[in-house]
Amino acid sequence: MPEKEVKKLEGISRIFNSTTINGRANVAKATYAAIALAFIYFRYIRRKPVQKDETPTETSLHRKCI
């Protein structure tokens, strides 16, 4: 894509342009960031707390160590 056409693009289409190397790199970076955020959310934030009236089991003790 010629430089004139790239300059005509506006907004998000200029950042994530699939015809330029920088645009493709931005798509890859955004994909990696989304995967990392999903991992953090499911690994740390969405963990169920152990009930206080339960006796600790091996799995609950193991989760606390990690």
PDB file of N, CA and C in Angstrom:
ATOM      1  N   MET A   1       0.849  -1.171   0.000  1.00  0.00           N
ATOM      2  CA  MET A   1       0.000   0.000   0.000  1.00  0.00           C
ATOM      3  C   MET A   1       0.897   1.236   0.000  1.00  0.00           C
ATOM      4  N   PRO A   2       0.660   2.151  -0.927  1.00  0.00           N
ATOM      5  CA  PRO A   2       1.475   3.364  -0.986  1.00  0.00           C
ATOM      6  C   PRO A   2       1.321   4.220   0.273  1.00  0.00           C
ATOM      7  N   GLU A   3       2.333   5.016   0.535  1.00  0.00           N
ATOM      8  CA  GLU A   3       2.350   5.856   1.735  1.00  0.00           C
ATOM      9  C   GLU A   3       1.188   6.841   1.765  1.00  0.00           C
ATOM     10  N   LYS A   4       0.763   7.333   0.602  1.00  0.00           N
ATOM     11  CA  LYS A   4      -0.359   8.272   0.542  1.00  0.00           C
ATOM     12  C   LYS A   4      -1.641   7.624   1.057  1.00  0.00           C
ATOM     13  N   GLU A   5      -1.857   6.363   0.677  1.00  0.00           N
ATOM     14  CA  GLU A   5      -3.077   5.678   1.096  1.00  0.00           C
ATOM     15  C   GLU A   5      -3.046   5.371   2.591  1.00  0.00           C
ATOM     16  N   VAL A   6      -1.880   5.054   3.124  1.00  0.00           N
ATOM     17  CA  VAL A   6      -1.768   4.782   4.555  1.00  0.00           C
ATOM     18  C   VAL A   6      -2.069   6.038   5.351  1.00  0.00           C
ATOM     19  N   LYS A   7      -1.619   7.190   4.868  1.00  0.00           N
ATOM     20  CA  LYS A   7      -1.869   8.454   5.563  1.00  0.00           C
ATOM     21  C   LYS A   7      -3.345   8.833   5.540  1.00  0.00           C
ATOM     22  N   LYS A   8      -4.105   8.340   4.566  1.00  0.00           N
ATOM     23  CA  LYS A   8      -5.531   8.645   4.477  1.00  0.00           C
ATOM     24  C   LYS A   8      -6.340   7.880   5.530  1.00  0.00           C
ATOM     25  N   LEU A   9      -5.815   6.752   5.987  1.00  0.00           N
ATOM     26  CA  LEU A   9      -6.540   5.959   6.978  1.00  0.00           C
ATOM     27  C   LEU A   9      -6.647   6.726   8.284  1.00  0.00           C
ATOM     28  N   GLU A  10      -7.759   6.527   8.980  1.00  0.00           N
ATOM     29  CA  GLU A  10      -7.985   7.240  10.234  1.00  0.00           C
ATOM     30  C   GLU A  10      -8.361   6.261  11.323  1.00  0.00           C
ATOM     31  N   GLY A  11      -8.079   6.649  12.535  1.00  0.00           N
ATOM     32  CA  GLY A  11      -8.527   5.891  13.702  1.00  0.00           C
ATOM     33  C   GLY A  11      -7.859   4.544  13.829  1.00  0.00           C
ATOM     34  N   ILE A  12      -8.660   3.573  14.208  1.00  0.00           N
ATOM     35  CA  ILE A  12      -8.145   2.235  14.514  1.00  0.00           C
ATOM     36  C   ILE A  12      -7.671   1.508  13.260  1.00  0.00           C
ATOM     37  N   SER A  13      -8.211   1.855  12.109  1.00  0.00           N
ATOM     38  CA  SER A  13      -7.767   1.192  10.872  1.00  0.00           C
ATOM     39  C   SER A  13      -6.334   1.577  10.513  1.00  0.00           C
ATOM     40  N   ARG A  14      -5.878   2.714  10.970  1.00  0.00           N
ATOM     41  CA  ARG A  14      -4.488   3.104  10.717  1.00  0.00           C
ATOM     42  C   ARG A  14      -3.537   2.330  11.632  1.00  0.00           C
ATOM     43  N   ILE A  15      -3.966   2.068  12.851  1.00  0.00           N
ATOM     44  CA  ILE A  15      -3.120   1.355  13.807  1.00  0.00           C
ATOM     45  C   ILE A  15      -3.032  -0.122  13.459  1.00  0.00           C
ATOM     46  N   PHE A  16      -4.152  -0.742  13.112  1.00  0.00           N
ATOM     47  CA  PHE A  16      -4.206  -2.176  12.827  1.00  0.00           C
ATOM     48  C   PHE A  16      -4.326  -2.447  11.331  1.00  0.00           C
ATOM     49  N   ASN A  17      -3.556  -1.765  10.529  1.00  0.00           N
ATOM     50  CA  ASN A  17      -3.566  -1.922   9.090  1.00  0.00           C
ATOM     51  C   ASN A  17      -2.883  -3.240   8.720  1.00  0.00           C
ATOM     52  N   SER A  18      -3.560  -4.095   8.003  1.00  0.00           N
ATOM     53  CA  SER A  18      -3.016  -5.420   7.699  1.00  0.00           C
ATOM     54  C   SER A  18      -2.070  -5.424   6.498  1.00  0.00           C
ATOM     55  N   THR A  19      -1.909  -4.315   5.836  1.00  0.00           N
ATOM     56  CA  THR A  19      -1.027  -4.285   4.671  1.00  0.00           C
ATOM     57  C   THR A  19       0.361  -3.763   4.993  1.00  0.00           C
ATOM     58  N   THR A  20       0.586  -3.265   6.186  1.00  0.00           N
ATOM     59  CA  THR A  20       1.914  -2.777   6.561  1.00  0.00           C
ATOM     60  C   THR A  20       2.500  -3.673   7.649  1.00  0.00           C
ATOM     61  N   ILE A  21       3.816  -3.650   7.757  1.00  0.00           N
ATOM     62  CA  ILE A  21       4.504  -4.447   8.772  1.00  0.00           C
ATOM     63  C   ILE A  21       4.126  -3.961  10.178  1.00  0.00           C
ATOM     64  N   ASN A  22       4.072  -2.644  10.351  1.00  0.00           N
ATOM     65  CA  ASN A  22       3.725  -2.096  11.672  1.00  0.00           C
ATOM     66  C   ASN A  22       2.294  -2.464  12.067  1.00  0.00           C
ATOM     67  N   GLY A  23       1.387  -2.446  11.110  1.00  0.00           N
ATOM     68  CA  GLY A  23       0.005  -2.813  11.408  1.00  0.00           C
ATOM     69  C   GLY A  23      -0.126  -4.271  11.809  1.00  0.00           C
ATOM     70  N   ARG A  24       0.592  -5.134  11.128  1.00  0.00           N
ATOM     71  CA  ARG A  24       0.562  -6.554  11.469  1.00  0.00           C
ATOM     72  C   ARG A  24       1.195  -6.809  12.829  1.00  0.00           C
ATOM     73  N   ALA A  25       2.256  -6.072  13.132  1.00  0.00           N
ATOM     74  CA  ALA A  25       2.896  -6.200  14.442  1.00  0.00           C
ATOM     75  C   ALA A  25       1.945  -5.743  15.538  1.00  0.00           C
ATOM     76  N   ASN A  26       1.195  -4.695  15.293  1.00  0.00           N
ATOM     77  CA  ASN A  26       0.230  -4.216  16.284  1.00  0.00           C
ATOM     78  C   ASN A  26      -0.877  -5.236  16.532  1.00  0.00           C
ATOM     79  N   VAL A  27      -1.305  -5.919  15.487  1.00  0.00           N
ATOM     80  CA  VAL A  27      -2.315  -6.970  15.649  1.00  0.00           C
ATOM     81  C   VAL A  27      -1.760  -8.103  16.511  1.00  0.00           C
ATOM     82  N   ALA A  28      -0.524  -8.492  16.258  1.00  0.00           N
ATOM     83  CA  ALA A  28       0.095  -9.567  17.044  1.00  0.00           C
ATOM     84  C   ALA A  28       0.258  -9.145  18.502  1.00  0.00           C
ATOM     85  N   LYS A  29       0.685  -7.921  18.740  1.00  0.00           N
ATOM     86  CA  LYS A  29       0.844  -7.423  20.113  1.00  0.00           C
ATOM     87  C   LYS A  29      -0.493  -7.393  20.850  1.00  0.00           C
ATOM     88  N   ALA A  30      -1.533  -6.949  20.166  1.00  0.00           N
ATOM     89  CA  ALA A  30      -2.855  -6.905  20.781  1.00  0.00           C
ATOM     90  C   ALA A  30      -3.355  -8.310  21.108  1.00  0.00           C
ATOM     91  N   THR A  31      -3.060  -9.273  20.249  1.00  0.00           N
ATOM     92  CA  THR A  31      -3.462 -10.654  20.488  1.00  0.00           C
ATOM     93  C   THR A  31      -2.751 -11.222  21.706  1.00  0.00           C
ATOM     94  N   TYR A  32      -1.437 -11.005  21.791  1.00  0.00           N
ATOM     95  CA  TYR A  32      -0.673 -11.476  22.950  1.00  0.00           C
ATOM     96  C   TYR A  32      -1.149 -10.807  24.242  1.00  0.00           C
ATOM     97  N   ALA A  33      -1.461  -9.532  24.176  1.00  0.00           N
ATOM     98  CA  ALA A  33      -1.945  -8.819  25.361  1.00  0.00           C
ATOM     99  C   ALA A  33      -3.296  -9.371  25.814  1.00  0.00           C
ATOM    100  N   ALA A  34      -4.183  -9.681  24.877  1.00  0.00           N
ATOM    101  CA  ALA A  34      -5.486 -10.237  25.228  1.00  0.00           C
ATOM    102  C   ALA A  34      -5.344 -11.621  25.857  1.00  0.00           C
ATOM    103  N   ILE A  35      -4.453 -12.433  25.337  1.00  0.00           N
ATOM    104  CA  ILE A  35      -4.224 -13.764  25.911  1.00  0.00           C
ATOM    105  C   ILE A  35      -3.647 -13.637  27.318  1.00  0.00           C
ATOM    106  N   ALA A  36      -2.708 -12.709  27.516  1.00  0.00           N
ATOM    107  CA  ALA A  36      -2.115 -12.509  28.844  1.00  0.00           C
ATOM    108  C   ALA A  36      -3.149 -12.014  29.846  1.00  0.00           C
ATOM    109  N   LEU A  37      -4.011 -11.098  29.442  1.00  0.00           N
ATOM    110  CA  LEU A  37      -5.058 -10.607  30.337  1.00  0.00           C
ATOM    111  C   LEU A  37      -6.058 -11.702  30.698  1.00  0.00           C
ATOM    112  N   ALA A  38      -6.408 -12.530  29.732  1.00  0.00           N
ATOM    113  CA  ALA A  38      -7.317 -13.642  30.012  1.00  0.00           C
ATOM    114  C   ALA A  38      -6.678 -14.628  30.980  1.00  0.00           C
ATOM    115  N   PHE A  39      -5.384 -14.905  30.793  1.00  0.00           N
ATOM    116  CA  PHE A  39      -4.676 -15.797  31.701  1.00  0.00           C
ATOM    117  C   PHE A  39      -4.661 -15.227  33.112  1.00  0.00           C
ATOM    118  N   ILE A  40      -4.332 -13.962  33.257  1.00  0.00           N
ATOM    119  CA  ILE A  40      -4.295 -13.328  34.583  1.00  0.00           C
ATOM    120  C   ILE A  40      -5.673 -13.356  35.215  1.00  0.00           C
ATOM    121  N   TYR A  41      -6.706 -13.067  34.453  1.00  0.00           N
ATOM    122  CA  TYR A  41      -8.064 -13.051  34.990  1.00  0.00           C
ATOM    123  C   TYR A  41      -8.462 -14.432  35.499  1.00  0.00           C
ATOM    124  N   PHE A  42      -8.268 -15.456  34.698  1.00  0.00           N
ATOM    125  CA  PHE A  42      -8.691 -16.790  35.106  1.00  0.00           C
ATOM    126  C   PHE A  42      -7.770 -17.401  36.154  1.00  0.00           C
ATOM    127  N   ARG A  43      -6.523 -16.999  36.187  1.00  0.00           N
ATOM    128  CA  ARG A  43      -5.568 -17.587  37.125  1.00  0.00           C
ATOM    129  C   ARG A  43      -5.653 -16.951  38.508  1.00  0.00           C
ATOM    130  N   TYR A  44      -5.765 -15.650  38.572  1.00  0.00           N
ATOM    131  CA  TYR A  44      -5.661 -14.969  39.851  1.00  0.00           C
ATOM    132  C   TYR A  44      -6.963 -14.339  40.336  1.00  0.00           C
ATOM    133  N   ILE A  45      -7.703 -13.723  39.472  1.00  0.00           N
ATOM    134  CA  ILE A  45      -8.871 -12.957  39.907  1.00  0.00           C
ATOM    135  C   ILE A  45     -10.097 -13.833  40.114  1.00  0.00           C
ATOM    136  N   ARG A  46     -10.293 -14.813  39.280  1.00  0.00           N
ATOM    137  CA  ARG A  46     -11.518 -15.588  39.310  1.00  0.00           C
ATOM    138  C   ARG A  46     -11.421 -16.835  40.192  1.00  0.00           C
ATOM    139  N   ARG A  47     -10.462 -16.883  41.062  1.00  0.00           N
ATOM    140  CA  ARG A  47     -10.281 -18.037  41.935  1.00  0.00           C
ATOM    141  C   ARG A  47     -11.318 -18.003  43.064  1.00  0.00           C
ATOM    142  N   LYS A  48     -11.917 -19.160  43.365  1.00  0.00           N
ATOM    143  CA  LYS A  48     -12.901 -19.239  44.437  1.00  0.00           C
ATOM    144  C   LYS A  48     -12.181 -19.316  45.782  1.00  0.00           C
ATOM    145  N   PRO A  49     -12.607 -18.525  46.757  1.00  0.00           N
ATOM    146  CA  PRO A  49     -11.962 -18.607  48.069  1.00  0.00           C
ATOM    147  C   PRO A  49     -12.372 -19.883  48.811  1.00  0.00           C
ATOM    148  N   VAL A  50     -11.500 -20.359  49.705  1.00  0.00           N
ATOM    149  CA  VAL A  50     -11.776 -21.552  50.495  1.00  0.00           C
ATOM    150  C   VAL A  50     -12.738 -21.172  51.614  1.00  0.00           C
ATOM    151  N   GLN A  51     -13.775 -21.990  51.807  1.00  0.00           N
ATOM    152  CA  GLN A  51     -14.737 -21.742  52.872  1.00  0.00           C
ATOM    153  C   GLN A  51     -14.063 -21.911  54.227  1.00  0.00           C
ATOM    154  N   LYS A  52     -14.402 -21.075  55.197  1.00  0.00           N
ATOM    155  CA  LYS A  52     -13.760 -21.142  56.501  1.00  0.00           C
ATOM    156  C   LYS A  52     -14.160 -22.374  57.297  1.00  0.00           C
ATOM    157  N   ASP A  53     -15.373 -22.877  57.096  1.00  0.00           N
ATOM    158  CA  ASP A  53     -15.814 -24.033  57.856  1.00  0.00           C
ATOM    159  C   ASP A  53     -15.324 -25.352  57.258  1.00  0.00           C
ATOM    160  N   GLU A  54     -14.673 -25.298  56.093  1.00  0.00           N
ATOM    161  CA  GLU A  54     -14.123 -26.509  55.492  1.00  0.00           C
ATOM    162  C   GLU A  54     -12.753 -26.806  56.092  1.00  0.00           C
ATOM    163  N   THR A  55     -12.443 -28.086  56.160  1.00  0.00           N
ATOM    164  CA  THR A  55     -11.087 -28.442  56.561  1.00  0.00           C
ATOM    165  C   THR A  55     -10.209 -28.381  55.323  1.00  0.00           C
ATOM    166  N   PRO A  56      -8.999 -27.921  55.459  1.00  0.00           N
ATOM    167  CA  PRO A  56      -8.140 -27.804  54.275  1.00  0.00           C
ATOM    168  C   PRO A  56      -7.829 -29.168  53.670  1.00  0.00           C
ATOM    169  N   THR A  57      -7.899 -29.229  52.373  1.00  0.00           N
ATOM    170  CA  THR A  57      -7.551 -30.447  51.655  1.00  0.00           C
ATOM    171  C   THR A  57      -6.225 -30.226  50.940  1.00  0.00           C
ATOM    172  N   GLU A  58      -5.739 -31.263  50.319  1.00  0.00           N
ATOM    173  CA  GLU A  58      -4.469 -31.138  49.605  1.00  0.00           C
ATOM    174  C   GLU A  58      -4.552 -30.100  48.495  1.00  0.00           C
ATOM    175  N   THR A  59      -5.669 -30.076  47.782  1.00  0.00           N
ATOM    176  CA  THR A  59      -5.781 -29.134  46.676  1.00  0.00           C
ATOM    177  C   THR A  59      -5.850 -27.700  47.177  1.00  0.00           C
ATOM    178  N   SER A  60      -6.573 -27.443  48.263  1.00  0.00           N
ATOM    179  CA  SER A  60      -6.645 -26.075  48.752  1.00  0.00           C
ATOM    180  C   SER A  60      -5.311 -25.625  49.323  1.00  0.00           C
ATOM    181  N   LEU A  61      -4.565 -26.535  49.941  1.00  0.00           N
ATOM    182  CA  LEU A  61      -3.232 -26.190  50.439  1.00  0.00           C
ATOM    183  C   LEU A  61      -2.288 -25.955  49.279  1.00  0.00           C
ATOM    184  N   HIS A  62      -2.439 -26.764  48.249  1.00  0.00           N
ATOM    185  CA  HIS A  62      -1.593 -26.612  47.069  1.00  0.00           C
ATOM    186  C   HIS A  62      -1.852 -25.265  46.392  1.00  0.00           C
ATOM    187  N   ARG A  63      -3.094 -24.835  46.312  1.00  0.00           N
ATOM    188  CA  ARG A  63      -3.417 -23.556  45.686  1.00  0.00           C
ATOM    189  C   ARG A  63      -2.810 -22.387  46.445  1.00  0.00           C
ATOM    190  N   LYS A  64      -2.767 -22.499  47.772  1.00  0.00           N
ATOM    191  CA  LYS A  64      -2.196 -21.410  48.550  1.00  0.00           C
ATOM    192  C   LYS A  64      -0.699 -21.288  48.335  1.00  0.00           C
ATOM    193  N   CYS A  65      -0.043 -22.392  48.057  1.00  0.00           N
ATOM    194  CA  CYS A  65       1.412 -22.382  47.873  1.00  0.00           C
ATOM    195  C   CYS A  65       1.812 -21.799  46.524  1.00  0.00           C
ATOM    196  N   ILE A  66       0.941 -21.914  45.568  1.00  0.00           N
ATOM    197  CA  ILE A  66       1.292 -21.456  44.217  1.00  0.00           C
ATOM    198  C   ILE A  66       1.112 -20.004  44.125  1.00  0.00           C
TER     199      ILE A  66
END
